[in-house]
Amino acid sequence: MEEPGGSPDVVTQADLKLVRDQVDHLQVMLAKGRNPWYREPVNLTSAMAAVVAIVSLLVSSHQGGQQELREKREEFRSVLQQLVSMTDEEDMLEDARNSPEKQSRLNSLRTSRDLFRSSAEMLAMDLGSKVLFAEFLIMGDQFKEANDNKKAGEYYDKALRSTKDPIDMNKAHRRHAWLYSSLLLRNHDEMRTRFRNALGSVKDQRNDLMLFTAGNTYAEWGYQESYLKNYDEALERQKQAEQIFLRMSDEGRNKQSSLDRLRLDMGYNYMRLALRVGQSASYSLYLESLKLAEQAFAGISDDPDIDSQKQKAFDDLRSLQGQIPGSWSSALSASLRPFRPWPGHPLQSPLPMERPQHQADTLGLPQP
């Protein structure tokens, strides 16, 4: 029957076909099974979002770490520059002990240097392998200044391990040699071993820089032997330095200036040797030593930069020539003590117990 105004109360063929189609579709879906998770659009989108989030976190963390590293390096560099500046100012005040004002400033500088040195050490520990070779050298020099030879040696060793450059390795070995010649350590055999190591690092003397470095190493070694009153050994090392300097090219002033200063040192060592042999050996050996000193001084050029030292050397020599050994005055003997080298001298530090002026090696720190 059909209700007035209503729909038919029977299922039509069209309705049955629609139901069958829906059932067939469900059966097909069940037969196929579920797609893998990564093929589901919703899951794939979620996974991609997670990957992007993780990458963003890693990038942000890396950038934050790099920024922190840059800030620490800048702070470390600033502290080292302050230390070098204070060291230079302290050196200028060393001969002003009679001035209360300057003495007060000197004491203040030393206190400040202690604080800056501690800060530099903490920053160096934080930076670890990011510390540069030149910075390790400055740290070593600063601790040597403070007579903390153990830490100074540790930083020189770190400097040595941080580089493969032969010139840099030579510098680190030479620093160690000076350290072992100090009054606090006074291990002369180890000092000589370090000088040999320094020479070994530049044995491939293929250019003027290598020759200059090797020559200066022999010259420094000779200077240390001279201070120990081993004049024969000192002169032997200085002769080796002279032979190396002679192999340098004639271009520039490094060759002649190095020879001039070396020959000045050699001449004074011959004079010291004359004083020794004149007191314990024959007069002829005394005169022979003075003759060798004269030959060394005569080999110095007429460069105005060294002319005054050359003139004084000849004056001192003439004061000894012709005298009977043992008759010279104590004042003359005092004039032959180990001298303070002038600015730019390759040996620079006058006594092993004092700081070798190596700061020039490390000026102009590389930018972080």
Protein backbone atom coordinates (compact mmCIF):
# COMPACT_ATOMS: atom_id res chain seq x y z
CA MET A 1 0.00 0.00 0.00
CA GLU A 2 0.97 3.52 -0.45
CA GLU A 3 0.49 6.10 2.24
CA PRO A 4 -1.05 9.32 0.98
CA GLY A 5 1.63 11.93 0.49
CA GLY A 6 4.43 9.50 1.61
CA SER A 7 7.11 7.39 -0.02
CA PRO A 8 6.57 3.86 -1.28
CA ASP A 9 6.82 1.19 1.44
CA VAL A 10 8.86 -1.13 -0.77
CA VAL A 11 12.64 -1.52 -1.52
CA THR A 12 13.34 -0.67 -5.07
CA GLN A 13 15.89 -2.32 -7.31
CA ALA A 14 17.99 0.80 -7.21
CA ASP A 15 18.25 0.62 -3.42
CA LEU A 16 19.38 -2.98 -3.53
CA LYS A 17 22.04 -2.23 -6.12
CA LEU A 18 23.41 0.59 -3.96
CA VAL A 19 23.71 -1.66 -0.90
CA ARG A 20 25.38 -4.41 -2.92
CA ASP A 21 27.92 -1.94 -4.30
CA GLN A 22 28.76 -0.73 -0.80
CA VAL A 23 29.21 -4.27 0.49
CA ASP A 24 31.41 -5.17 -2.46
CA HIS A 25 33.55 -2.11 -1.76
CA LEU A 26 33.95 -3.08 1.89
CA GLN A 27 34.94 -6.61 0.93
CA VAL A 28 37.60 -5.32 -1.44
CA MET A 29 39.03 -3.06 1.25
CA LEU A 30 39.14 -5.88 3.76
CA ALA A 31 40.82 -8.15 1.25
CA LYS A 32 43.56 -5.63 0.55
CA GLY A 33 44.34 -5.06 4.24
CA ARG A 34 45.72 -1.87 5.77
CA ASN A 35 48.42 0.22 4.05
CA PRO A 36 51.88 0.48 5.72
CA TRP A 37 52.08 3.39 8.20
CA TYR A 38 54.45 5.36 6.05
CA ARG A 39 51.96 5.23 3.14
CA GLU A 40 49.22 6.71 5.18
CA PRO A 41 49.02 10.42 4.31
CA VAL A 42 48.27 11.43 7.88
CA ASN A 43 51.17 9.43 9.33
CA LEU A 44 53.62 10.64 6.68
CA THR A 45 52.75 14.26 7.37
CA SER A 46 53.27 13.75 11.11
CA ALA A 47 56.65 12.06 10.55
CA MET A 48 57.86 14.87 8.31
CA ALA A 49 56.82 17.43 10.91
CA ALA A 50 58.77 15.53 13.60
CA VAL A 51 61.90 15.39 11.42
CA VAL A 52 61.69 19.12 10.74
CA ALA A 53 61.34 19.82 14.46
CA ILE A 54 64.37 17.66 15.34
CA VAL A 55 66.54 19.27 12.63
CA SER A 56 65.51 22.74 13.79
CA LEU A 57 66.44 21.84 17.37
CA LEU A 58 69.85 20.53 16.31
CA VAL A 59 70.57 23.59 14.17
CA SER A 60 69.50 25.92 16.96
CA SER A 61 71.65 24.04 19.49
CA HIS A 62 74.66 24.12 17.16
CA GLN A 63 74.27 27.83 16.53
CA GLY A 64 73.99 28.46 20.24
CA GLY A 65 77.16 26.44 20.90
CA GLN A 66 79.04 28.29 18.17
CA GLN A 67 77.98 31.62 19.59
CA GLU A 68 79.13 30.61 23.07
CA LEU A 69 82.46 29.42 21.64
CA ARG A 70 82.99 32.72 19.81
CA GLU A 71 82.25 34.67 22.98
CA LYS A 72 84.70 32.60 25.03
CA ARG A 73 87.40 32.93 22.39
CA GLU A 74 86.96 36.69 22.29
CA GLU A 75 87.14 36.86 26.07
CA PHE A 76 90.23 34.62 26.13
CA ARG A 77 91.93 36.71 23.48
CA SER A 78 91.17 39.91 25.39
CA VAL A 79 92.57 38.47 28.64
CA LEU A 80 95.79 37.39 26.91
CA GLN A 81 96.23 40.81 25.33
CA GLN A 82 95.81 42.40 28.75
CA LEU A 83 98.42 40.05 30.20
CA VAL A 84 100.95 40.86 27.47
CA SER A 85 100.30 44.59 27.89
CA MET A 86 100.76 44.42 31.67
CA THR A 87 103.94 42.38 31.27
CA ASP A 88 105.42 45.00 28.94
CA GLU A 89 104.50 47.81 31.35
CA GLU A 90 105.97 45.88 34.26
CA ASP A 91 109.25 45.48 32.37
CA MET A 92 109.45 49.24 31.89
CA LEU A 93 108.95 49.79 35.62
CA GLU A 94 111.52 47.24 36.76
CA ASP A 95 114.31 49.85 36.94
CA ALA A 96 112.15 52.36 38.82
CA ARG A 97 112.16 50.78 42.26
CA ASN A 98 113.25 54.02 43.95
CA SER A 99 110.03 55.77 42.95
CA PRO A 100 107.20 55.09 45.46
CA GLU A 101 104.59 55.95 42.84
CA LYS A 102 106.05 53.59 40.25
CA GLN A 103 106.62 50.91 42.86
CA SER A 104 102.96 51.12 43.80
CA ARG A 105 101.99 50.76 40.15
CA LEU A 106 104.34 47.79 39.83
CA ASN A 107 102.71 46.03 42.77
CA SER A 108 99.26 46.74 41.34
CA LEU A 109 100.27 45.30 37.99
CA ARG A 110 101.52 42.10 39.57
CA THR A 111 98.27 41.62 41.48
CA SER A 112 96.24 42.24 38.33
CA ARG A 113 98.35 39.82 36.37
CA ASP A 114 97.70 37.10 38.94
CA LEU A 115 93.94 37.59 38.51
CA PHE A 116 94.09 37.74 34.72
CA ARG A 117 96.32 34.67 34.62
CA SER A 118 93.79 32.68 36.65
CA SER A 119 90.98 33.82 34.36
CA ALA A 120 93.00 32.88 31.30
CA GLU A 121 93.65 29.42 32.71
CA MET A 122 89.93 28.78 33.32
CA LEU A 123 89.05 29.94 29.81
CA ALA A 124 91.80 27.78 28.32
CA MET A 125 90.35 24.76 30.12
CA ASP A 126 86.87 25.54 28.75
CA LEU A 127 88.16 26.01 25.21
CA GLY A 128 90.28 22.86 25.25
CA SER A 129 91.49 21.99 21.75
CA LYS A 130 90.23 25.34 20.45
CA VAL A 131 93.21 27.13 22.03
CA LEU A 132 95.72 28.18 19.38
CA PHE A 133 99.46 27.50 19.35
CA ALA A 134 100.41 31.14 19.98
CA GLU A 135 97.98 31.31 22.89
CA PHE A 136 99.51 28.24 24.52
CA LEU A 137 102.93 29.92 24.27
CA ILE A 138 101.70 33.08 25.95
CA MET A 139 100.14 31.02 28.74
CA GLY A 140 103.43 29.21 29.24
CA ASP A 141 105.36 32.49 29.31
CA GLN A 142 102.96 33.95 31.87
CA PHE A 143 103.33 31.00 34.22
CA LYS A 144 107.11 31.08 33.80
CA GLU A 145 106.94 34.74 34.85
CA ALA A 146 105.13 33.59 37.98
CA ASN A 147 107.87 30.99 38.61
CA ASP A 148 105.33 28.21 38.14
CA ASN A 149 107.62 26.18 35.94
CA LYS A 150 105.46 23.06 36.10
CA LYS A 151 102.47 24.76 34.54
CA ALA A 152 104.69 26.66 32.14
CA GLY A 153 106.10 23.37 30.90
CA GLU A 154 102.61 21.90 30.56
CA TYR A 155 101.51 24.76 28.33
CA TYR A 156 104.69 24.53 26.23
CA ASP A 157 103.95 20.81 25.77
CA LYS A 158 100.36 21.64 24.75
CA ALA A 159 101.71 24.17 22.27
CA LEU A 160 104.00 21.52 20.82
CA ARG A 161 101.14 19.03 20.44
CA SER A 162 98.89 21.62 18.81
CA THR A 163 101.06 22.19 15.73
CA LYS A 164 102.88 20.40 12.95
CA ASP A 165 104.60 23.53 11.68
CA PRO A 166 108.41 23.14 12.06
CA ILE A 167 108.97 26.80 13.00
CA ASP A 168 106.30 26.64 15.69
CA MET A 169 107.71 23.38 17.02
CA ASN A 170 111.12 25.01 17.19
CA LYS A 171 109.69 27.87 19.27
CA ALA A 172 108.06 25.49 21.74
CA HIS A 173 111.25 23.45 22.19
CA ARG A 174 113.31 26.60 22.71
CA ARG A 175 110.86 27.82 25.35
CA HIS A 176 111.36 24.54 27.15
CA ALA A 177 115.13 24.88 26.90
CA TRP A 178 114.99 28.29 28.56
CA LEU A 179 112.74 26.81 31.23
CA TYR A 180 115.27 24.12 32.13
CA SER A 181 118.08 26.67 32.29
CA SER A 182 116.29 28.67 34.98
CA LEU A 183 117.63 28.79 38.51
CA LEU A 184 114.55 26.97 39.83
CA LEU A 185 114.98 23.91 37.59
CA ARG A 186 118.64 24.10 36.56
CA ASN A 187 118.65 20.89 34.54
CA HIS A 188 121.35 21.59 31.99
CA ASP A 189 121.25 18.16 30.34
CA GLU A 190 117.53 18.57 29.70
CA MET A 191 118.19 22.10 28.44
CA ARG A 192 120.62 20.76 25.85
CA THR A 193 118.19 18.00 24.86
CA ARG A 194 115.50 20.62 24.23
CA PHE A 195 117.85 22.68 22.08
CA ARG A 196 118.68 19.56 20.05
CA ASN A 197 114.97 18.90 19.62
CA ALA A 198 114.49 22.49 18.49
CA LEU A 199 117.20 22.04 15.87
CA GLY A 200 115.68 18.74 14.78
CA SER A 201 112.42 20.45 13.95
CA VAL A 202 114.14 22.70 11.39
CA LYS A 203 116.72 20.28 10.01
CA ASP A 204 115.22 20.74 6.55
CA GLN A 205 116.91 24.11 6.04
CA ARG A 206 115.47 24.75 2.60
CA ASN A 207 114.94 28.52 2.84
CA ASP A 208 116.10 31.62 4.67
CA LEU A 209 113.41 31.35 7.34
CA MET A 210 114.54 27.84 8.25
CA LEU A 211 118.18 28.91 8.22
CA PHE A 212 117.44 31.99 10.33
CA THR A 213 115.53 29.89 12.87
CA ALA A 214 118.25 27.23 13.09
CA GLY A 215 120.95 29.89 13.42
CA ASN A 216 119.10 31.64 16.23
CA THR A 217 118.64 28.31 17.99
CA TYR A 218 122.38 27.69 18.00
CA ALA A 219 122.95 31.30 19.10
CA GLU A 220 120.55 30.94 22.04
CA TRP A 221 122.17 27.66 23.00
CA GLY A 222 125.56 29.34 22.93
CA TYR A 223 124.28 32.19 25.04
CA GLN A 224 123.07 29.79 27.71
CA GLU A 225 126.39 27.95 27.74
CA SER A 226 128.13 31.31 28.10
CA TYR A 227 126.06 32.14 31.16
CA LEU A 228 127.05 28.78 32.63
CA LYS A 229 130.67 29.81 31.98
CA ASN A 230 131.10 26.98 29.46
CA TYR A 231 132.86 29.34 27.06
CA ASP A 232 134.38 26.65 24.84
CA GLU A 233 130.96 25.03 24.39
CA ALA A 234 129.34 28.43 23.87
CA LEU A 235 131.79 29.37 21.14
CA GLU A 236 131.31 26.01 19.43
CA ARG A 237 127.56 26.62 19.21
CA GLN A 238 128.09 30.18 18.05
CA LYS A 239 130.41 29.02 15.28
CA GLN A 240 127.69 26.64 14.13
CA ALA A 241 125.24 29.54 14.15
CA GLU A 242 127.66 31.64 12.11
CA GLN A 243 128.01 28.94 9.44
CA ILE A 244 124.24 28.70 9.11
CA PHE A 245 123.75 32.48 8.90
CA LEU A 246 126.38 32.62 6.14
CA ARG A 247 124.23 30.27 4.04
CA MET A 248 121.35 32.77 4.00
CA SER A 249 120.77 34.85 0.89
CA ASP A 250 122.14 38.38 0.80
CA GLU A 251 118.71 39.90 0.28
CA GLY A 252 117.31 41.86 3.20
CA ARG A 253 119.03 42.66 6.48
CA ASN A 254 118.42 39.47 8.44
CA LYS A 255 121.67 37.86 7.35
CA GLN A 256 124.05 40.70 8.18
CA SER A 257 122.27 41.84 11.34
CA SER A 258 122.26 38.27 12.65
CA LEU A 259 125.98 37.90 11.92
CA ASP A 260 126.79 41.27 13.51
CA ARG A 261 125.09 40.47 16.80
CA LEU A 262 126.44 36.94 16.85
CA ARG A 263 130.04 38.12 16.28
CA LEU A 264 129.66 40.69 19.02
CA ASP A 265 128.65 37.90 21.41
CA MET A 266 131.48 35.68 20.17
CA GLY A 267 134.04 38.40 20.71
CA TYR A 268 132.97 38.90 24.29
CA ASN A 269 133.09 35.15 24.89
CA TYR A 270 136.66 35.07 23.61
CA MET A 271 137.47 37.88 26.04
CA ARG A 272 135.87 35.96 28.91
CA LEU A 273 137.88 32.92 27.86
CA ALA A 274 141.01 35.07 27.89
CA LEU A 275 140.30 36.08 31.47
CA ARG A 276 139.99 32.42 32.41
CA VAL A 277 143.06 31.07 30.61
CA GLY A 278 145.12 34.05 31.71
CA GLN A 279 144.54 33.11 35.31
CA SER A 280 145.21 29.40 34.90
CA ALA A 281 147.24 28.88 31.75
CA SER A 282 149.91 30.53 29.61
CA TYR A 283 150.10 34.13 28.54
CA SER A 284 150.19 33.01 24.91
CA LEU A 285 146.75 31.44 25.20
CA TYR A 286 145.54 34.64 26.76
CA LEU A 287 146.80 36.64 23.79
CA GLU A 288 145.43 34.09 21.33
CA SER A 289 141.95 34.42 22.83
CA LEU A 290 142.15 38.20 22.56
CA LYS A 291 143.24 37.89 18.93
CA LEU A 292 140.17 35.75 18.18
CA ALA A 293 138.01 38.33 19.92
CA GLU A 294 139.51 41.04 17.69
CA GLN A 295 138.76 38.98 14.59
CA ALA A 296 135.16 38.53 15.70
CA PHE A 297 134.69 42.25 16.30
CA ALA A 298 136.37 43.08 12.97
CA GLY A 299 133.76 40.97 11.19
CA ILE A 300 130.97 43.26 12.37
CA SER A 301 129.64 45.56 9.67
CA ASP A 302 129.48 49.35 9.83
CA ASP A 303 125.73 49.34 10.36
CA PRO A 304 124.79 52.41 12.45
CA ASP A 305 122.39 50.29 14.51
CA ILE A 306 125.28 48.39 16.06
CA ASP A 307 128.11 50.88 15.70
CA SER A 308 128.06 52.00 19.35
CA GLN A 309 128.20 48.40 20.62
CA LYS A 310 131.03 47.65 18.20
CA GLN A 311 133.01 50.68 19.40
CA LYS A 312 132.57 49.74 23.04
CA ALA A 313 133.66 46.18 22.27
CA PHE A 314 136.94 47.41 20.76
CA ASP A 315 137.48 49.73 23.74
CA ASP A 316 137.05 46.81 26.14
CA LEU A 317 139.37 44.70 24.03
CA ARG A 318 142.12 47.34 24.00
CA SER A 319 141.88 47.54 27.78
CA LEU A 320 142.88 43.88 28.01
CA GLN A 321 145.49 43.71 25.25
CA GLY A 322 149.03 43.95 26.52
CA GLN A 323 148.11 43.52 30.17
CA ILE A 324 149.53 40.86 32.41
CA PRO A 325 146.84 38.36 33.39
CA GLY A 326 145.46 39.10 36.83
CA SER A 327 146.31 42.82 36.73
CA TRP A 328 143.04 44.11 35.26
CA SER A 329 140.69 46.00 37.48
CA SER A 330 137.50 44.63 38.98
CA ALA A 331 135.64 47.34 37.07
CA LEU A 332 136.86 45.93 33.76
CA SER A 333 135.94 42.42 34.79
CA ALA A 334 132.47 43.65 35.64
CA SER A 335 132.15 45.15 32.18
CA LEU A 336 132.46 41.65 30.73
CA ARG A 337 129.56 40.16 32.66
CA PRO A 338 126.65 38.80 30.60
CA PHE A 339 125.19 41.91 29.05
CA ARG A 340 121.58 42.99 28.50
CA PRO A 341 120.85 42.60 24.80
CA TRP A 342 119.32 45.56 23.04
CA PRO A 343 115.79 45.61 21.59
CA GLY A 344 115.52 43.28 18.63
CA HIS A 345 118.44 41.14 19.74
CA PRO A 346 117.70 37.50 18.83
CA LEU A 347 118.76 36.34 22.30
CA GLN A 348 117.11 39.20 24.18
CA SER A 349 116.84 37.77 27.71
CA PRO A 350 120.09 38.53 29.59
CA LEU A 351 119.89 35.84 32.26
CA PRO A 352 118.29 32.40 32.33
CA MET A 353 116.51 33.32 35.56
CA GLU A 354 114.78 36.18 33.79
CA ARG A 355 112.00 36.06 31.24
CA PRO A 356 113.11 35.39 27.65
CA GLN A 357 111.45 38.20 25.70
CA HIS A 358 109.52 35.91 23.42
CA GLN A 359 106.32 37.94 23.37
CA ALA A 360 107.22 39.25 19.91
CA ASP A 361 106.72 35.68 18.59
CA THR A 362 103.08 35.77 19.56
CA LEU A 363 101.90 39.31 18.82
CA GLY A 364 99.00 39.63 16.45
CA LEU A 365 96.93 36.66 17.61
CA PRO A 366 94.92 34.98 14.86
CA GLN A 367 91.30 36.00 14.77
CA PRO A 368 88.95 33.39 16.27
